[in-house]
């Protein structure tokens, strides 16, 4: 299954701006976590994962989401061929989902 990793940095932003960004990104199908092997791993702040996306398409979606904050943004989207992580906060998923 393919996925993109997107990082959005808002310029001159505060906490409320990032809450707005997170909600807008979520509505575009981006998540701040991923689930695997019975655990949920939380990505670093302002980083998102989106399944079955494309770099160009997800950049456009992220630009739309960032615009909802009214702040200028730096955005980077990558389509990784391999993924490793270290130190991400994780929580055990319940047996029911």
Protein backbone atom coordinates (compact mmCIF):
# COMPACT_ATOMS: atom_id res chain seq x y z
CA UNK A 1 0.00 0.00 0.00
CA UNK A 2 1.46 3.36 -1.01
CA UNK A 3 1.48 6.41 1.24
CA UNK A 4 2.84 9.91 1.42
CA UNK A 5 4.50 11.72 4.29
CA UNK A 6 3.69 15.43 4.43
CA UNK A 7 5.21 18.12 6.61
CA UNK A 8 3.54 21.50 6.98
CA UNK A 9 5.20 24.39 8.80
CA UNK A 10 3.05 27.45 9.34
CA UNK A 11 4.82 30.81 9.47
CA UNK A 12 4.18 33.12 12.45
CA UNK A 13 1.62 30.64 13.76
CA UNK A 14 0.30 29.90 17.21
CA UNK A 15 -1.32 26.88 18.85
CA UNK A 16 -4.81 27.73 17.54
CA UNK A 17 -3.45 27.97 13.98
CA UNK A 18 -2.06 24.44 14.27
CA UNK A 19 -5.34 23.12 15.69
CA UNK A 20 -7.04 24.59 12.63
CA UNK A 21 -4.40 22.98 10.39
CA UNK A 22 -4.79 19.56 12.03
CA UNK A 23 -8.56 19.66 11.57
CA UNK A 24 -8.25 20.79 7.94
CA UNK A 25 -5.63 18.12 7.17
CA UNK A 26 -7.81 15.46 8.79
CA UNK A 27 -10.74 16.49 6.61
CA UNK A 28 -8.49 16.00 3.56
CA UNK A 29 -7.65 12.42 4.63
CA UNK A 30 -4.31 13.05 6.34
CA UNK A 31 -3.59 11.38 9.67
CA UNK A 32 -1.11 12.25 12.42
CA UNK A 33 -0.61 8.57 13.28
CA UNK A 34 -0.41 5.15 11.71
CA UNK A 35 -1.39 1.72 13.05
CA UNK A 36 0.74 -1.39 12.70
CA UNK A 37 1.35 -4.61 14.61
CA UNK A 38 -1.21 -3.79 17.30
CA UNK A 39 0.13 -0.29 18.04
CA UNK A 40 -0.71 3.26 17.05
CA UNK A 41 2.35 5.40 16.36
CA UNK A 42 1.99 9.19 16.60
CA UNK A 43 3.97 11.23 14.08
CA UNK A 44 5.99 14.31 15.06
CA UNK A 45 4.10 17.61 15.23
CA UNK A 46 2.90 19.00 11.87
CA UNK A 47 3.73 15.74 10.07
CA UNK A 48 1.07 13.66 8.39
CA UNK A 49 0.59 10.38 6.57
CA UNK A 50 -1.95 9.74 3.83
CA UNK A 51 -2.63 6.36 2.26
CA UNK A 52 -3.03 5.90 -1.50
CA UNK A 53 -2.09 9.47 -2.32
CA UNK A 54 0.38 11.02 -4.74
CA UNK A 55 3.00 13.66 -4.05
CA UNK A 56 1.45 16.20 -6.44
CA UNK A 57 -2.15 15.55 -5.38
CA UNK A 58 -1.32 15.55 -1.67
CA UNK A 59 0.63 18.80 -2.05
CA UNK A 60 -2.50 20.42 -3.47
CA UNK A 61 -4.63 19.03 -0.63
CA UNK A 62 -2.12 20.24 1.98
CA UNK A 63 -2.02 23.71 0.38
CA UNK A 64 -5.81 23.87 0.60
CA UNK A 65 -5.74 22.81 4.26
CA UNK A 66 -2.96 25.25 5.16
CA UNK A 67 -4.81 28.10 3.48
CA UNK A 68 -7.64 27.63 5.97
CA UNK A 69 -5.31 28.89 8.71
CA UNK A 70 -4.71 32.22 6.95
CA UNK A 71 -0.97 31.74 7.48
CA UNK A 72 1.84 31.29 4.95
CA UNK A 73 3.16 27.73 4.96
CA UNK A 74 6.14 25.66 3.91
CA UNK A 75 5.01 22.22 2.73
CA UNK A 76 6.96 19.15 1.71
CA UNK A 77 5.42 15.90 0.46
CA UNK A 78 7.39 12.70 -0.09
CA UNK A 79 6.46 9.28 -1.40
CA UNK A 80 8.86 7.03 0.55
CA UNK A 81 9.94 3.65 -0.76
CA UNK A 82 11.02 2.55 2.72
CA UNK A 83 10.13 3.75 6.18
CA UNK A 84 11.81 3.34 9.56
CA UNK A 85 11.12 5.24 12.75
CA UNK A 86 12.56 5.70 16.20
CA UNK A 87 11.15 7.31 19.31
CA UNK A 88 7.60 7.88 18.12
CA UNK A 89 5.01 7.87 20.90
CA UNK A 90 3.00 4.67 20.69
CA UNK A 91 -0.06 3.20 22.33
CA UNK A 92 -1.38 -0.34 22.30
CA UNK A 93 -4.58 -0.73 20.28
CA UNK A 94 -7.49 -2.47 21.95
CA UNK A 95 -8.38 -5.96 20.74
CA UNK A 96 -11.71 -4.60 19.45
CA UNK A 97 -10.14 -2.02 17.16
